[in-house]
Protein backbone atom coordinates (compact mmCIF):
# COMPACT_ATOMS: atom_id res chain seq x y z
CA MET A 1 114.11 114.13 175.29
CA ALA A 2 111.94 116.83 174.33
CA HIS A 3 111.87 117.19 170.18
CA ASN A 4 113.20 120.71 168.63
CA VAL A 5 110.30 121.13 165.45
CA GLU A 6 111.55 123.45 163.34
CA LYS A 7 108.98 125.50 161.10
CA ASP A 8 109.55 127.73 158.30
CA ASP A 9 109.69 131.44 159.21
CA VAL A 10 107.87 131.72 155.67
CA THR A 11 104.83 129.15 156.20
CA GLY A 12 104.63 128.43 159.41
CA ILE A 13 104.83 124.67 158.16
CA GLU A 14 107.23 122.03 160.44
CA THR A 15 110.20 121.21 158.30
CA THR A 16 111.45 117.54 157.66
CA GLY A 17 114.67 118.44 159.15
CA HIS A 18 115.93 118.03 154.94
CA GLU A 19 118.06 121.03 153.89
CA TRP A 20 119.78 120.67 150.19
CA ASP A 21 121.27 124.19 149.03
CA GLY A 22 119.50 126.36 151.92
CA ILE A 23 116.19 125.37 150.74
CA LYS A 24 114.39 123.15 153.05
CA GLU A 25 111.35 120.73 152.96
CA LEU A 26 107.80 121.08 153.83
CA ASN A 27 106.09 118.21 155.51
CA ASN A 28 103.28 118.69 154.16
CA PRO A 29 100.64 115.73 153.86
CA LEU A 30 99.50 114.60 150.79
CA PRO A 31 95.08 115.64 150.86
CA ARG A 32 93.24 112.82 152.49
CA TRP A 33 90.98 112.32 149.26
CA TRP A 34 93.94 111.66 147.33
CA LEU A 35 94.85 108.90 149.54
CA TRP A 36 91.75 107.76 149.93
CA THR A 37 91.62 107.78 146.09
CA PHE A 38 95.01 105.95 145.94
CA TYR A 39 93.85 102.64 147.94
CA ALA A 40 90.69 102.66 146.61
CA CYS A 41 92.94 101.91 143.15
CA ILE A 42 94.96 99.48 145.71
CA ILE A 43 91.45 97.90 146.44
CA TRP A 44 90.14 98.08 143.07
CA SER A 45 93.54 96.45 141.17
CA ILE A 46 93.15 93.25 143.45
CA GLY A 47 89.59 92.76 142.83
CA TYR A 48 90.62 93.47 139.24
CA TRP A 49 93.10 90.57 139.25
CA VAL A 50 91.28 88.13 140.73
CA ILE A 51 87.92 88.85 138.24
CA TYR A 52 89.60 89.04 134.63
CA PRO A 53 92.39 87.52 133.01
CA THR A 54 96.00 89.32 134.54
CA TRP A 55 99.03 87.14 135.50
CA PRO A 56 101.16 85.51 133.14
CA LEU A 57 102.60 81.73 133.42
CA ILE A 58 105.02 80.38 132.38
CA SER A 59 102.79 78.85 129.25
CA SER A 60 99.85 80.47 129.97
CA HIS A 61 98.05 83.61 131.92
CA THR A 62 95.69 83.17 134.97
CA LYS A 63 91.92 82.94 133.67
CA GLY A 64 89.96 85.47 135.92
CA VAL A 65 86.71 84.67 137.58
CA ILE A 66 84.63 85.77 134.61
CA GLY A 67 87.29 83.76 132.15
CA TYR A 68 86.75 87.01 129.98
CA SER A 69 89.46 87.36 126.81
CA SER A 70 89.50 90.28 124.61
CA ARG A 71 91.69 88.33 121.93
CA GLN A 72 88.48 85.77 121.43
CA ASP A 73 86.22 88.88 121.80
CA VAL A 74 87.76 90.02 118.67
CA MET A 75 88.57 86.90 116.84
CA ASP A 76 84.18 86.64 117.56
CA LYS A 77 83.43 89.68 115.95
CA ILE A 78 86.01 88.83 112.93
CA ALA A 79 84.10 85.26 112.89
CA ASP A 80 80.17 87.46 112.29
CA ALA A 81 81.76 89.63 109.62
CA LYS A 82 82.54 87.08 107.90
CA ALA A 83 79.66 85.22 108.14
CA ALA A 84 77.13 88.72 107.27
CA GLN A 85 79.88 88.54 104.23
CA ALA A 86 79.76 84.91 103.05
CA GLN A 87 76.28 85.20 101.62
CA TYR A 88 77.61 87.89 99.13
CA LEU A 89 81.15 86.50 98.58
CA ASP A 90 79.78 83.11 97.69
CA ARG A 91 77.60 84.66 95.04
CA ILE A 92 80.32 86.86 93.65
CA GLU A 93 83.11 83.80 92.93
CA VAL A 94 80.13 82.54 91.30
CA ALA A 95 78.68 85.65 89.34
CA SER A 96 80.37 86.58 86.08
CA LEU A 97 80.94 90.37 85.77
CA ALA A 98 78.65 91.66 84.24
CA ASP A 99 76.19 89.76 86.46
CA ILE A 100 77.67 91.59 89.45
CA ARG A 101 77.04 95.08 87.49
CA ASN A 102 74.42 94.22 86.99
CA ASP A 103 73.38 93.68 90.33
CA SER A 104 72.91 96.70 92.53
CA GLU A 105 73.84 94.69 95.84
CA LEU A 106 76.61 93.16 94.84
CA LEU A 107 77.70 96.20 92.67
CA ASN A 108 77.56 98.15 95.94
CA PHE A 109 79.70 95.21 97.91
CA SER A 110 82.11 94.30 95.18
CA LEU A 111 83.43 98.44 95.21
CA ALA A 112 83.45 98.63 99.04
CA GLY A 113 85.39 95.39 98.45
CA GLY A 114 88.10 96.06 96.11
CA LYS A 115 88.56 99.00 97.42
CA SER A 116 89.48 97.41 100.48
CA ALA A 117 91.31 94.74 98.67
CA PHE A 118 93.61 97.20 96.41
CA ALA A 119 94.32 99.72 99.88
CA VAL A 120 96.38 96.68 101.06
CA ASN A 121 97.66 94.92 98.21
CA CYS A 122 97.95 97.56 94.67
CA SER A 123 97.87 100.81 96.21
CA GLN A 124 101.79 100.27 97.00
CA CYS A 125 102.50 101.07 93.42
CA HIS A 126 99.54 102.41 92.05
CA GLY A 127 99.16 105.16 94.77
CA GLN A 128 96.38 105.07 96.89
CA GLY A 129 94.06 107.35 95.09
CA ALA A 130 95.59 104.70 91.57
CA GLN A 131 97.11 108.10 90.62
CA GLY A 132 99.94 106.19 89.59
CA PHE A 133 103.33 107.01 89.77
CA LYS A 134 106.09 107.15 87.18
CA GLY A 135 106.97 103.25 86.09
CA TYR A 136 103.17 102.55 87.48
CA PRO A 137 99.65 103.14 85.93
CA ASN A 138 97.43 105.78 86.43
CA LEU A 139 94.51 103.35 86.70
CA ASN A 140 92.38 107.08 86.86
CA ASP A 141 92.67 107.41 82.99
CA ASP A 142 91.61 105.77 79.81
CA ASP A 143 94.84 104.99 78.25
CA TRP A 144 95.04 101.12 78.73
CA ILE A 145 97.50 99.32 77.66
CA TRP A 146 96.04 95.54 78.06
CA GLY A 147 92.51 97.13 77.92
CA GLY A 148 90.19 98.46 80.20
CA LEU A 149 86.81 96.11 79.85
CA PRO A 150 86.34 94.76 83.47
CA GLU A 151 87.46 90.83 81.78
CA GLU A 152 90.57 92.51 80.72
CA ILE A 153 91.16 94.06 84.02
CA SER A 154 90.59 90.90 85.82
CA ALA A 155 92.83 88.60 83.25
CA THR A 156 95.88 91.21 84.21
CA ILE A 157 95.33 91.19 87.55
CA HIS A 158 94.84 87.38 87.12
CA TYR A 159 97.83 86.85 85.57
CA GLY A 160 100.36 89.86 85.56
CA ILE A 161 102.21 91.27 83.23
CA ARG A 162 105.26 90.00 82.18
CA SER A 163 105.31 87.74 85.71
CA ASP A 164 105.75 83.92 86.36
CA HIS A 165 102.96 82.76 85.54
CA ASP A 166 102.30 80.41 82.54
CA ASP A 167 99.29 82.58 80.91
CA THR A 168 100.91 86.35 82.02
CA HIS A 169 100.56 89.96 79.15
CA TYR A 170 104.60 89.50 77.66
CA SER A 171 106.28 92.03 75.46
CA GLU A 172 109.62 92.86 75.46
CA MET A 173 110.94 96.13 74.31
CA PRO A 174 113.91 95.99 72.28
CA ALA A 175 117.12 98.25 73.80
CA PHE A 176 117.84 99.82 70.19
CA GLY A 177 120.90 101.21 71.81
CA ARG A 178 122.20 99.02 74.54
CA ASP A 179 121.96 96.49 71.97
CA GLU A 180 123.24 98.85 68.98
CA LEU A 181 120.70 97.77 67.01
CA LEU A 182 120.38 101.92 65.87
CA GLU A 183 123.13 104.10 65.63
CA ARG A 184 122.70 107.05 68.08
CA GLU A 185 122.05 109.86 65.23
CA GLN A 186 118.83 107.18 64.26
CA ILE A 187 117.53 106.54 68.29
CA ASN A 188 117.57 111.14 68.05
CA GLN A 189 115.92 111.07 65.15
CA VAL A 190 113.03 108.55 66.44
CA VAL A 191 113.02 110.31 69.70
CA GLU A 192 111.89 113.65 67.55
CA TYR A 193 109.38 112.11 65.43
CA VAL A 194 107.59 110.67 68.43
CA LEU A 195 107.85 113.76 70.48
CA LYS A 196 105.76 114.90 67.21
CA ILE A 197 103.14 112.72 66.92
CA SER A 198 102.84 113.58 70.34
CA GLY A 199 102.20 117.53 70.08
CA GLN A 200 105.85 118.31 71.61
CA GLU A 201 108.08 120.54 69.75
CA HIS A 202 110.96 118.86 67.98
CA ASP A 203 113.05 119.23 65.35
CA GLU A 204 111.21 118.94 62.14
CA ALA A 205 114.35 118.30 59.87
CA GLU A 206 114.82 115.43 62.54
CA ALA A 207 111.80 114.14 63.00
CA THR A 208 111.10 114.10 59.34
CA GLU A 209 114.34 111.17 58.90
CA GLY A 210 112.95 108.99 62.01
CA GLN A 211 109.44 108.72 60.78
CA THR A 212 110.85 106.53 58.28
CA VAL A 213 113.55 104.49 61.35
CA PHE A 214 110.26 104.55 63.35
CA VAL A 215 108.21 102.54 60.53
CA GLU A 216 110.64 100.24 59.77
CA GLN A 217 112.09 99.49 63.60
CA CYS A 218 108.93 100.70 65.71
CA ALA A 219 105.32 100.50 64.15
CA SER A 220 105.43 96.50 63.93
CA CYS A 221 104.38 96.44 67.87
CA HIS A 222 103.21 100.39 68.02
CA GLY A 223 101.21 100.99 64.82
CA ASN A 224 102.71 102.97 61.90
CA LYS A 225 100.93 105.90 63.54
CA GLY A 226 101.67 104.94 66.95
CA GLU A 227 99.12 104.50 68.05
CA GLY A 228 99.39 101.67 70.04
CA MET A 229 98.91 98.29 69.29
CA ARG A 230 97.04 96.26 72.78
CA ASP A 231 98.12 93.08 71.13
CA PHE A 232 101.76 93.57 71.79
CA GLY A 233 100.87 95.39 74.76
CA ALA A 234 102.85 98.42 72.89
CA PRO A 235 101.49 101.70 74.21
CA ARG A 236 100.01 104.43 72.15
CA LEU A 237 102.37 107.22 71.74
CA THR A 238 99.94 110.07 70.47
CA ASP A 239 98.69 111.51 73.44
CA ALA A 240 100.34 112.99 76.90
CA ILE A 241 99.66 109.89 78.53
CA TRP A 242 103.42 108.29 79.61
CA LEU A 243 104.05 105.46 82.05
CA TYR A 244 108.09 106.71 82.50
CA GLY A 245 107.54 110.40 80.98
CA GLY A 246 107.53 111.67 77.65
CA ASP A 247 110.15 114.46 77.50
CA ARG A 248 113.13 114.49 75.24
CA GLN A 249 115.89 113.00 77.70
CA THR A 250 113.21 110.31 79.00
CA LEU A 251 112.90 108.96 76.04
CA ARG A 252 115.72 108.91 74.62
CA GLU A 253 116.48 106.59 77.70
CA THR A 254 113.78 104.15 76.94
CA VAL A 255 114.42 103.55 72.86
CA ASN A 256 118.24 103.35 74.20
CA ASN A 257 117.67 101.11 77.80
CA ALA A 258 114.22 99.28 76.62
CA ARG A 259 111.70 99.33 79.07
CA PHE A 260 110.56 95.88 81.53
CA GLY A 261 108.09 96.40 84.23
CA VAL A 262 106.88 93.62 85.47
CA MET A 263 103.42 93.29 87.32
CA PRO A 264 103.39 90.28 89.93
CA ALA A 265 100.28 87.51 88.91
CA TRP A 266 97.23 87.33 91.56
CA THR A 267 95.91 84.57 90.60
CA ASN A 268 97.22 82.17 93.34
CA ARG A 269 97.24 85.23 96.23
CA LEU A 270 94.20 86.41 96.36
CA ASP A 271 91.01 84.53 96.00
CA GLU A 272 88.32 84.60 93.17
CA ALA A 273 85.81 87.11 94.69
CA THR A 274 88.48 89.22 95.97
CA ILE A 275 90.18 89.66 92.11
CA LYS A 276 86.45 90.29 90.67
CA GLN A 277 85.71 92.74 93.41
CA LEU A 278 88.74 94.25 92.07
CA ALA A 279 88.02 94.50 88.90
CA ILE A 280 85.36 95.99 89.09
CA TYR A 281 86.21 98.58 91.28
CA VAL A 282 89.15 99.66 88.95
CA HIS A 283 86.72 99.81 86.80
CA SER A 284 84.73 102.14 88.67
CA LEU A 285 87.81 104.68 89.26
CA GLY A 286 87.15 107.12 86.03
CA GLY A 287 89.22 104.86 83.28
CA GLY A 288 87.22 101.32 82.54
CA GLU A 289 85.83 101.35 78.80
């Protein structure tokens, strides 16, 4: 029985006989080069299945002829890197911070390691560049509540601030308004005085009255002139560096409700070498003393 071959009027190519909404499908075979490439890929995949680990099993996988494992390759590289670092980490662990800073090899290694450790453990609160945020100190400036010497920074990292460690730095500011230790008028007066000693616009009459309140209620921690006292973790109030903000509204909120920021103790979370590297790195940022 003869087969009727239909050809497209425009291209002259045979059709497959399929038609959709008046559109006919042309019988255009795939190019030979494409088909041979496809066949070659199939052959290649079969060879890959044989040589490399490929198919998952119930509790394992096919190992392949050569038994290659990319995971093991990564683990080997990590082990090699740790072995290369060990010679420095072992020295850092037993060396003092002063010795590390005086040894160019250990110093450079500590700065690199500290930067990496900071990104993993500290940047979430202090920022990638240690610039800080509201309630989280900027570590690039020279305003240190608990001290900016390498040893003091190390102690802060070890034990934290108001953490659950027995040796933590601890201070607690009274909530003068919430606990009704001062009247609203007295709070407004002491806020004006703090604005005055920090070089901001203020009400002079209120500030004069506020000085008396400050000496009676605040000077025992912040100093008679607001210069701050590290023994009590009380910040300096005479500069333009503020942890929570130095505007009138924020100062009122601080005096009313107090602040109680917490930094965790890292002594049981990080090893000694890592903490030393962090202390060296933080000190190098520009604000260390």
